[in-house]
Amino acid sequence: LAAVYTYVGRQYYDNDQANRFRRMPAYGTLDLKASYHRGDWIFALTGANLADKKYYSYGITDSATAPASFQAYPLAGRTWFASAEYRLR
């Protein structure tokens, strides 16, 4: 069993060379992975962003408009991944 909490602090938007526009909000995500070993097999189930946090890690500002606007590219909500692995000896 593995758990990973990722925290990303506030960041500047792209195209804001003077860093005058507000910053992107900070966010945190929690991921869990459970794996089971049976002989030469490894089975795993991974859940990413388990709290289904709405966030983005990239945005660009248009400083030519007043007040400046921005575009953000949202990242995935809660996702699941299952895998099976066989190891040759």
PDB file of N, CA and C in Angstrom:
ATOM      1  N   LEU A   1       0.856  -1.168   0.000  1.00  0.00           N
ATOM      2  CA  LEU A   1       0.000   0.000   0.000  1.00  0.00           C
ATOM      3  C   LEU A   1       0.896   1.223   0.000  1.00  0.00           C
ATOM      4  N   ALA A   2       0.571   2.186  -0.837  1.00  0.00           N
ATOM      5  CA  ALA A   2       1.349   3.430  -0.910  1.00  0.00           C
ATOM      6  C   ALA A   2       0.390   4.607  -1.011  1.00  0.00           C
ATOM      7  N   ALA A   3       0.751   5.691  -0.353  1.00  0.00           N
ATOM      8  CA  ALA A   3      -0.035   6.925  -0.414  1.00  0.00           C
ATOM      9  C   ALA A   3       0.907   8.074  -0.754  1.00  0.00           C
ATOM     10  N   VAL A   4       0.445   8.967  -1.624  1.00  0.00           N
ATOM     11  CA  VAL A   4       1.245  10.127  -2.015  1.00  0.00           C
ATOM     12  C   VAL A   4       0.353  11.356  -1.967  1.00  0.00           C
ATOM     13  N   TYR A   5       0.786  12.357  -1.190  1.00  0.00           N
ATOM     14  CA  TYR A   5       0.111  13.642  -1.181  1.00  0.00           C
ATOM     15  C   TYR A   5       1.034  14.627  -1.880  1.00  0.00           C
ATOM     16  N   THR A   6       0.527  15.304  -2.897  1.00  0.00           N
ATOM     17  CA  THR A   6       1.307  16.280  -3.651  1.00  0.00           C
ATOM     18  C   THR A   6       0.728  17.665  -3.415  1.00  0.00           C
ATOM     19  N   TYR A   7       1.576  18.573  -2.964  1.00  0.00           N
ATOM     20  CA  TYR A   7       1.166  19.959  -2.766  1.00  0.00           C
ATOM     21  C   TYR A   7       1.945  20.838  -3.726  1.00  0.00           C
ATOM     22  N   VAL A   8       1.233  21.719  -4.412  1.00  0.00           N
ATOM     23  CA  VAL A   8       1.859  22.693  -5.307  1.00  0.00           C
ATOM     24  C   VAL A   8       1.395  24.077  -4.878  1.00  0.00           C
ATOM     25  N   GLY A   9       2.343  24.928  -4.551  1.00  0.00           N
ATOM     26  CA  GLY A   9       2.029  26.283  -4.118  1.00  0.00           C
ATOM     27  C   GLY A   9       1.597  27.160  -5.281  1.00  0.00           C
ATOM     28  N   ARG A  10       1.273  28.407  -4.946  1.00  0.00           N
ATOM     29  CA  ARG A  10       0.821  29.351  -5.960  1.00  0.00           C
ATOM     30  C   ARG A  10       1.925  29.592  -6.993  1.00  0.00           C
ATOM     31  N   GLN A  11       1.531  29.677  -8.256  1.00  0.00           N
ATOM     32  CA  GLN A  11       2.471  29.865  -9.360  1.00  0.00           C
ATOM     33  C   GLN A  11       2.060  31.079 -10.181  1.00  0.00           C
ATOM     34  N   TYR A  12       2.994  31.596 -10.943  1.00  0.00           N
ATOM     35  CA  TYR A  12       2.694  32.695 -11.848  1.00  0.00           C
ATOM     36  C   TYR A  12       2.147  32.155 -13.165  1.00  0.00           C
ATOM     37  N   TYR A  13       1.303  32.946 -13.796  1.00  0.00           N
ATOM     38  CA  TYR A  13       0.768  32.591 -15.110  1.00  0.00           C
ATOM     39  C   TYR A  13       1.826  32.842 -16.179  1.00  0.00           C
ATOM     40  N   ASP A  14       1.734  32.085 -17.243  1.00  0.00           N
ATOM     41  CA  ASP A  14       2.596  32.322 -18.403  1.00  0.00           C
ATOM     42  C   ASP A  14       2.198  33.664 -19.019  1.00  0.00           C
ATOM     43  N   ASN A  15       3.109  34.314 -19.675  1.00  0.00           N
ATOM     44  CA  ASN A  15       2.923  35.605 -20.336  1.00  0.00           C
ATOM     45  C   ASN A  15       2.779  36.744 -19.326  1.00  0.00           C
ATOM     46  N   ASP A  16       3.207  36.530 -18.101  1.00  0.00           N
ATOM     47  CA  ASP A  16       3.190  37.575 -17.072  1.00  0.00           C
ATOM     48  C   ASP A  16       4.635  37.805 -16.624  1.00  0.00           C
ATOM     49  N   GLN A  17       5.437  38.323 -17.520  1.00  0.00           N
ATOM     50  CA  GLN A  17       6.858  38.478 -17.262  1.00  0.00           C
ATOM     51  C   GLN A  17       7.134  39.378 -16.053  1.00  0.00           C
ATOM     52  N   ALA A  18       6.292  40.367 -15.798  1.00  0.00           N
ATOM     53  CA  ALA A  18       6.495  41.276 -14.671  1.00  0.00           C
ATOM     54  C   ALA A  18       5.901  40.726 -13.367  1.00  0.00           C
ATOM     55  N   ASN A  19       5.219  39.594 -13.434  1.00  0.00           N
ATOM     56  CA  ASN A  19       4.581  38.977 -12.261  1.00  0.00           C
ATOM     57  C   ASN A  19       3.633  39.941 -11.553  1.00  0.00           C
ATOM     58  N   ARG A  20       2.826  40.661 -12.322  1.00  0.00           N
ATOM     59  CA  ARG A  20       1.872  41.616 -11.759  1.00  0.00           C
ATOM     60  C   ARG A  20       0.460  41.045 -11.656  1.00  0.00           C
ATOM     61  N   PHE A  21       0.170  40.029 -12.471  1.00  0.00           N
ATOM     62  CA  PHE A  21      -1.159  39.416 -12.441  1.00  0.00           C
ATOM     63  C   PHE A  21      -1.251  38.520 -11.209  1.00  0.00           C
ATOM     64  N   ARG A  22      -2.467  38.285 -10.731  1.00  0.00           N
ATOM     65  CA  ARG A  22      -2.619  37.397  -9.569  1.00  0.00           C
ATOM     66  C   ARG A  22      -2.001  36.031  -9.871  1.00  0.00           C
ATOM     67  N   ARG A  23      -1.749  35.262  -8.854  1.00  0.00           N
ATOM     68  CA  ARG A  23      -1.155  33.936  -9.043  1.00  0.00           C
ATOM     69  C   ARG A  23      -2.231  32.862  -9.121  1.00  0.00           C
ATOM     70  N   MET A  24      -1.852  31.735  -9.717  1.00  0.00           N
ATOM     71  CA  MET A  24      -2.745  30.580  -9.748  1.00  0.00           C
ATOM     72  C   MET A  24      -2.915  30.062  -8.320  1.00  0.00           C
ATOM     73  N   PRO A  25      -4.068  29.513  -7.995  1.00  0.00           N
ATOM     74  CA  PRO A  25      -4.266  29.003  -6.635  1.00  0.00           C
ATOM     75  C   PRO A  25      -3.420  27.752  -6.363  1.00  0.00           C
ATOM     76  N   ALA A  26      -3.021  27.598  -5.108  1.00  0.00           N
ATOM     77  CA  ALA A  26      -2.314  26.388  -4.685  1.00  0.00           C
ATOM     78  C   ALA A  26      -3.300  25.216  -4.689  1.00  0.00           C
ATOM     79  N   TYR A  27      -2.770  24.010  -4.771  1.00  0.00           N
ATOM     80  CA  TYR A  27      -3.637  22.833  -4.719  1.00  0.00           C
ATOM     81  C   TYR A  27      -2.866  21.645  -4.153  1.00  0.00           C
ATOM     82  N   GLY A  28      -3.604  20.653  -3.715  1.00  0.00           N
ATOM     83  CA  GLY A  28      -3.021  19.407  -3.231  1.00  0.00           C
ATOM     84  C   GLY A  28      -3.857  18.233  -3.714  1.00  0.00           C
ATOM     85  N   THR A  29      -3.204  17.130  -4.021  1.00  0.00           N
ATOM     86  CA  THR A  29      -3.910  15.923  -4.458  1.00  0.00           C
ATOM     87  C   THR A  29      -3.417  14.719  -3.649  1.00  0.00           C
ATOM     88  N   LEU A  30      -4.291  13.744  -3.502  1.00  0.00           N
ATOM     89  CA  LEU A  30      -3.967  12.517  -2.785  1.00  0.00           C
ATOM     90  C   LEU A  30      -4.140  11.337  -3.733  1.00  0.00           C
ATOM     91  N   ASP A  31      -3.092  10.519  -3.830  1.00  0.00           N
ATOM     92  CA  ASP A  31      -3.106   9.310  -4.657  1.00  0.00           C
ATOM     93  C   ASP A  31      -2.842   8.107  -3.755  1.00  0.00           C
ATOM     94  N   LEU A  32      -3.522   6.996  -4.045  1.00  0.00           N
ATOM     95  CA  LEU A  32      -3.303   5.749  -3.318  1.00  0.00           C
ATOM     96  C   LEU A  32      -3.055   4.620  -4.303  1.00  0.00           C
ATOM     97  N   LYS A  33      -2.179   3.690  -3.899  1.00  0.00           N
ATOM     98  CA  LYS A  33      -1.913   2.514  -4.726  1.00  0.00           C
ATOM     99  C   LYS A  33      -1.863   1.294  -3.817  1.00  0.00           C
ATOM    100  N   ALA A  34      -2.621   0.280  -4.199  1.00  0.00           N
ATOM    101  CA  ALA A  34      -2.599  -1.004  -3.494  1.00  0.00           C
ATOM    102  C   ALA A  34      -2.106  -2.053  -4.479  1.00  0.00           C
ATOM    103  N   SER A  35      -1.122  -2.836  -4.055  1.00  0.00           N
ATOM    104  CA  SER A  35      -0.616  -3.891  -4.942  1.00  0.00           C
ATOM    105  C   SER A  35      -0.571  -5.215  -4.182  1.00  0.00           C
ATOM    106  N   TYR A  36      -0.697  -6.293  -4.945  1.00  0.00           N
ATOM    107  CA  TYR A  36      -0.734  -7.632  -4.390  1.00  0.00           C
ATOM    108  C   TYR A  36       0.192  -8.516  -5.215  1.00  0.00           C
ATOM    109  N   HIS A  37       1.125  -9.183  -4.544  1.00  0.00           N
ATOM    110  CA  HIS A  37       2.063 -10.077  -5.214  1.00  0.00           C
ATOM    111  C   HIS A  37       1.605 -11.517  -5.017  1.00  0.00           C
ATOM    112  N   ARG A  38       1.541 -12.249  -6.106  1.00  0.00           N
ATOM    113  CA  ARG A  38       1.157 -13.664  -6.050  1.00  0.00           C
ATOM    114  C   ARG A  38       2.038 -14.413  -7.039  1.00  0.00           C
ATOM    115  N   GLY A  39       3.051 -15.106  -6.513  1.00  0.00           N
ATOM    116  CA  GLY A  39       3.988 -15.801  -7.391  1.00  0.00           C
ATOM    117  C   GLY A  39       4.734 -14.799  -8.260  1.00  0.00           C
ATOM    118  N   ASP A  40       4.692 -15.005  -9.570  1.00  0.00           N
ATOM    119  CA  ASP A  40       5.343 -14.096 -10.514  1.00  0.00           C
ATOM    120  C   ASP A  40       4.428 -12.960 -10.949  1.00  0.00           C
ATOM    121  N   TRP A  41       3.253 -12.876 -10.371  1.00  0.00           N
ATOM    122  CA  TRP A  41       2.282 -11.848 -10.755  1.00  0.00           C
ATOM    123  C   TRP A  41       2.246 -10.710  -9.728  1.00  0.00           C
ATOM    124  N   ILE A  42       1.996  -9.509 -10.237  1.00  0.00           N
ATOM    125  CA  ILE A  42       1.755  -8.343  -9.380  1.00  0.00           C
ATOM    126  C   ILE A  42       0.486  -7.663  -9.906  1.00  0.00           C
ATOM    127  N   PHE A  43      -0.499  -7.549  -9.038  1.00  0.00           N
ATOM    128  CA  PHE A  43      -1.752  -6.874  -9.380  1.00  0.00           C
ATOM    129  C   PHE A  43      -1.803  -5.557  -8.617  1.00  0.00           C
ATOM    130  N   ALA A  44      -2.256  -4.514  -9.283  1.00  0.00           N
ATOM    131  CA  ALA A  44      -2.273  -3.206  -8.618  1.00  0.00           C
ATOM    132  C   ALA A  44      -3.520  -2.420  -9.009  1.00  0.00           C
ATOM    133  N   LEU A  45      -3.967  -1.601  -8.076  1.00  0.00           N
ATOM    134  CA  LEU A  45      -5.056  -0.663  -8.315  1.00  0.00           C
ATOM    135  C   LEU A  45      -4.593   0.696  -7.788  1.00  0.00           C
ATOM    136  N   THR A  46      -4.666   1.700  -8.648  1.00  0.00           N
ATOM    137  CA  THR A  46      -4.223   3.047  -8.289  1.00  0.00           C
ATOM    138  C   THR A  46      -5.375   4.026  -8.453  1.00  0.00           C
ATOM    139  N   GLY A  47      -5.570   4.859  -7.455  1.00  0.00           N
ATOM    140  CA  GLY A  47      -6.552   5.940  -7.524  1.00  0.00           C
ATOM    141  C   GLY A  47      -5.805   7.264  -7.436  1.00  0.00           C
ATOM    142  N   ALA A  48      -5.995   8.124  -8.419  1.00  0.00           N
ATOM    143  CA  ALA A  48      -5.324   9.421  -8.444  1.00  0.00           C
ATOM    144  C   ALA A  48      -6.337  10.534  -8.200  1.00  0.00           C
ATOM    145  N   ASN A  49      -5.918  11.554  -7.487  1.00  0.00           N
ATOM    146  CA  ASN A  49      -6.765  12.696  -7.152  1.00  0.00           C
ATOM    147  C   ASN A  49      -8.068  12.211  -6.502  1.00  0.00           C
ATOM    148  N   LEU A  50      -7.928  11.441  -5.440  1.00  0.00           N
ATOM    149  CA  LEU A  50      -9.088  10.797  -4.822  1.00  0.00           C
ATOM    150  C   LEU A  50     -10.135  11.774  -4.296  1.00  0.00           C
ATOM    151  N   ALA A  51      -9.756  12.969  -3.942  1.00  0.00           N
ATOM    152  CA  ALA A  51     -10.728  13.961  -3.464  1.00  0.00           C
ATOM    153  C   ALA A  51     -11.434  14.653  -4.627  1.00  0.00           C
ATOM    154  N   ASP A  52     -11.085  14.278  -5.846  1.00  0.00           N
ATOM    155  CA  ASP A  52     -11.675  14.850  -7.065  1.00  0.00           C
ATOM    156  C   ASP A  52     -11.523  16.374  -7.090  1.00  0.00           C
ATOM    157  N   LYS A  53     -10.341  16.826  -6.702  1.00  0.00           N
ATOM    158  CA  LYS A  53     -10.029  18.258  -6.644  1.00  0.00           C
ATOM    159  C   LYS A  53     -10.058  18.863  -8.044  1.00  0.00           C
ATOM    160  N   LYS A  54     -10.694  20.025  -8.182  1.00  0.00           N
ATOM    161  CA  LYS A  54     -10.708  20.767  -9.439  1.00  0.00           C
ATOM    162  C   LYS A  54      -9.536  21.735  -9.400  1.00  0.00           C
ATOM    163  N   TYR A  55      -8.575  21.572 -10.300  1.00  0.00           N
ATOM    164  CA  TYR A  55      -7.387  22.408 -10.264  1.00  0.00           C
ATOM    165  C   TYR A  55      -6.753  22.490 -11.648  1.00  0.00           C
ATOM    166  N   TYR A  56      -5.794  23.383 -11.760  1.00  0.00           N
ATOM    167  CA  TYR A  56      -5.012  23.502 -12.988  1.00  0.00           C
ATOM    168  C   TYR A  56      -3.590  23.877 -12.624  1.00  0.00           C
ATOM    169  N   SER A  57      -2.652  23.456 -13.442  1.00  0.00           N
ATOM    170  CA  SER A  57      -1.250  23.753 -13.170  1.00  0.00           C
ATOM    171  C   SER A  57      -0.618  24.604 -14.272  1.00  0.00           C
ATOM    172  N   TYR A  58      -1.422  24.978 -15.266  1.00  0.00           N
ATOM    173  CA  TYR A  58      -0.912  25.859 -16.309  1.00  0.00           C
ATOM    174  C   TYR A  58      -2.006  26.834 -16.710  1.00  0.00           C
ATOM    175  N   GLY A  59      -1.635  28.081 -16.804  1.00  0.00           N
ATOM    176  CA  GLY A  59      -2.550  29.117 -17.254  1.00  0.00           C
ATOM    177  C   GLY A  59      -1.751  30.209 -17.932  1.00  0.00           C
ATOM    178  N   ILE A  60      -2.406  30.916 -18.815  1.00  0.00           N
ATOM    179  CA  ILE A  60      -1.745  32.009 -19.532  1.00  0.00           C
ATOM    180  C   ILE A  60      -2.615  33.244 -19.407  1.00  0.00           C
ATOM    181  N   THR A  61      -1.994  34.383 -19.177  1.00  0.00           N
ATOM    182  CA  THR A  61      -2.725  35.624 -19.028  1.00  0.00           C
ATOM    183  C   THR A  61      -2.625  36.454 -20.305  1.00  0.00           C
ATOM    184  N   ASP A  62      -3.655  37.234 -20.540  1.00  0.00           N
ATOM    185  CA  ASP A  62      -3.675  38.148 -21.682  1.00  0.00           C
ATOM    186  C   ASP A  62      -3.607  39.553 -21.106  1.00  0.00           C
ATOM    187  N   SER A  63      -2.410  40.036 -20.933  1.00  0.00           N
ATOM    188  CA  SER A  63      -2.225  41.339 -20.302  1.00  0.00           C
ATOM    189  C   SER A  63      -2.640  42.493 -21.208  1.00  0.00           C
ATOM    190  N   ALA A  64      -3.007  42.213 -22.472  1.00  0.00           N
ATOM    191  CA  ALA A  64      -3.434  43.273 -23.387  1.00  0.00           C
ATOM    192  C   ALA A  64      -4.857  43.735 -23.082  1.00  0.00           C
ATOM    193  N   THR A  65      -5.632  42.925 -22.374  1.00  0.00           N
ATOM    194  CA  THR A  65      -7.001  43.319 -22.036  1.00  0.00           C
ATOM    195  C   THR A  65      -7.010  43.967 -20.656  1.00  0.00           C
ATOM    196  N   ALA A  66      -7.977  44.819 -20.435  1.00  0.00           N
ATOM    197  CA  ALA A  66      -8.074  45.476 -19.129  1.00  0.00           C
ATOM    198  C   ALA A  66      -9.440  45.189 -18.535  1.00  0.00           C
ATOM    199  N   PRO A  67      -9.603  44.603 -17.389  1.00  0.00           N
ATOM    200  CA  PRO A  67      -8.508  44.009 -16.635  1.00  0.00           C
ATOM    201  C   PRO A  67      -8.028  42.729 -17.313  1.00  0.00           C
ATOM    202  N   ALA A  68      -6.840  42.337 -17.010  1.00  0.00           N
ATOM    203  CA  ALA A  68      -6.244  41.162 -17.659  1.00  0.00           C
ATOM    204  C   ALA A  68      -7.103  39.921 -17.413  1.00  0.00           C
ATOM    205  N   SER A  69      -7.216  39.107 -18.430  1.00  0.00           N
ATOM    206  CA  SER A  69      -7.947  37.848 -18.308  1.00  0.00           C
ATOM    207  C   SER A  69      -6.943  36.701 -18.393  1.00  0.00           C
ATOM    208  N   PHE A  70      -7.435  35.485 -18.202  1.00  0.00           N
ATOM    209  CA  PHE A  70      -6.535  34.334 -18.310  1.00  0.00           C
ATOM    210  C   PHE A  70      -7.285  33.136 -18.854  1.00  0.00           C
ATOM    211  N   GLN A  71      -6.517  32.183 -19.336  1.00  0.00           N
ATOM    212  CA  GLN A  71      -7.040  30.892 -19.778  1.00  0.00           C
ATOM    213  C   GLN A  71      -6.296  29.833 -18.981  1.00  0.00           C
ATOM    214  N   ALA A  72      -7.032  28.852 -18.488  1.00  0.00           N
ATOM    215  CA  ALA A  72      -6.429  27.783 -17.699  1.00  0.00           C
ATOM    216  C   ALA A  72      -6.766  26.446 -18.329  1.00  0.00           C
ATOM    217  N   TYR A  73      -5.902  25.494 -18.123  1.00  0.00           N
ATOM    218  CA  TYR A  73      -6.065  24.150 -18.676  1.00  0.00           C
ATOM    219  C   TYR A  73      -6.259  23.181 -17.515  1.00  0.00           C
ATOM    220  N   PRO A  74      -7.512  22.803 -17.219  1.00  0.00           N
ATOM    221  CA  PRO A  74      -7.779  21.952 -16.051  1.00  0.00           C
ATOM    222  C   PRO A  74      -7.180  20.560 -16.197  1.00  0.00           C
ATOM    223  N   LEU A  75      -6.823  19.989 -15.063  1.00  0.00           N
ATOM    224  CA  LEU A  75      -6.272  18.637 -15.040  1.00  0.00           C
ATOM    225  C   LEU A  75      -7.364  17.644 -14.658  1.00  0.00           C
ATOM    226  N   ALA A  76      -7.056  16.377 -14.796  1.00  0.00           N
ATOM    227  CA  ALA A  76      -8.045  15.314 -14.600  1.00  0.00           C
ATOM    228  C   ALA A  76      -8.564  15.282 -13.169  1.00  0.00           C
ATOM    229  N   GLY A  77      -9.821  14.926 -13.035  1.00  0.00           N
ATOM    230  CA  GLY A  77     -10.409  14.686 -11.730  1.00  0.00           C
ATOM    231  C   GLY A  77      -9.969  13.317 -11.231  1.00  0.00           C
ATOM    232  N   ARG A  78     -10.809  12.688 -10.445  1.00  0.00           N
ATOM    233  CA  ARG A  78     -10.490  11.364  -9.904  1.00  0.00           C
ATOM    234  C   ARG A  78     -10.357  10.355 -11.054  1.00  0.00           C
ATOM    235  N   THR A  79      -9.273   9.597 -11.036  1.00  0.00           N
ATOM    236  CA  THR A  79      -9.052   8.570 -12.052  1.00  0.00           C
ATOM    237  C   THR A  79      -8.606   7.272 -11.377  1.00  0.00           C
ATOM    238  N   TRP A  80      -8.890   6.166 -12.044  1.00  0.00           N
ATOM    239  CA  TRP A  80      -8.517   4.843 -11.552  1.00  0.00           C
ATOM    240  C   TRP A  80      -7.710   4.112 -12.608  1.00  0.00           C
ATOM    241  N   PHE A  81      -6.748   3.312 -12.161  1.00  0.00           N
ATOM    242  CA  PHE A  81      -5.921   2.529 -13.075  1.00  0.00           C
ATOM    243  C   PHE A  81      -5.668   1.172 -12.433  1.00  0.00           C
ATOM    244  N   ALA A  82      -5.965   0.113 -13.182  1.00  0.00           N
ATOM    245  CA  ALA A  82      -5.706  -1.250 -12.713  1.00  0.00           C
ATOM    246  C   ALA A  82      -4.664  -1.877 -13.620  1.00  0.00           C
ATOM    247  N   SER A  83      -3.778  -2.687 -13.036  1.00  0.00           N
ATOM    248  CA  SER A  83      -2.737  -3.324 -13.843  1.00  0.00           C
ATOM    249  C   SER A  83      -2.447  -4.723 -13.333  1.00  0.00           C
ATOM    250  N   ALA A  84      -1.945  -5.536 -14.238  1.00  0.00           N
ATOM    251  CA  ALA A  84      -1.465  -6.877 -13.918  1.00  0.00           C
ATOM    252  C   ALA A  84      -0.116  -7.034 -14.608  1.00  0.00           C
ATOM    253  N   GLU A  85       0.846  -7.520 -13.862  1.00  0.00           N
ATOM    254  CA  GLU A  85       2.218  -7.660 -14.371  1.00  0.00           C
ATOM    255  C   GLU A  85       2.720  -9.060 -14.107  1.00  0.00           C
ATOM    256  N   TYR A  86       3.365  -9.637 -15.108  1.00  0.00           N
ATOM    257  CA  TYR A  86       3.960 -10.958 -14.951  1.00  0.00           C
ATOM    258  C   TYR A  86       5.465 -10.826 -15.130  1.00  0.00           C
ATOM    259  N   ARG A  87       6.225 -11.336 -14.194  1.00  0.00           N
ATOM    260  CA  ARG A  87       7.688 -11.230 -14.228  1.00  0.00           C
ATOM    261  C   ARG A  87       8.281 -12.566 -14.666  1.00  0.00           C
ATOM    262  N   LEU A  88       9.068 -12.529 -15.738  1.00  0.00           N
ATOM    263  CA  LEU A  88       9.784 -13.713 -16.194  1.00  0.00           C
ATOM    264  C   LEU A  88      11.067 -13.865 -15.376  1.00  0.00           C
ATOM    265  N   ARG A  89      11.395 -15.066 -15.061  1.00  0.00           N
ATOM    266  CA  ARG A  89      12.629 -15.304 -14.286  1.00  0.00           C
ATOM    267  C   ARG A  89      13.717 -15.830 -15.185  1.00  0.00           C
TER     268      ARG A  89
END
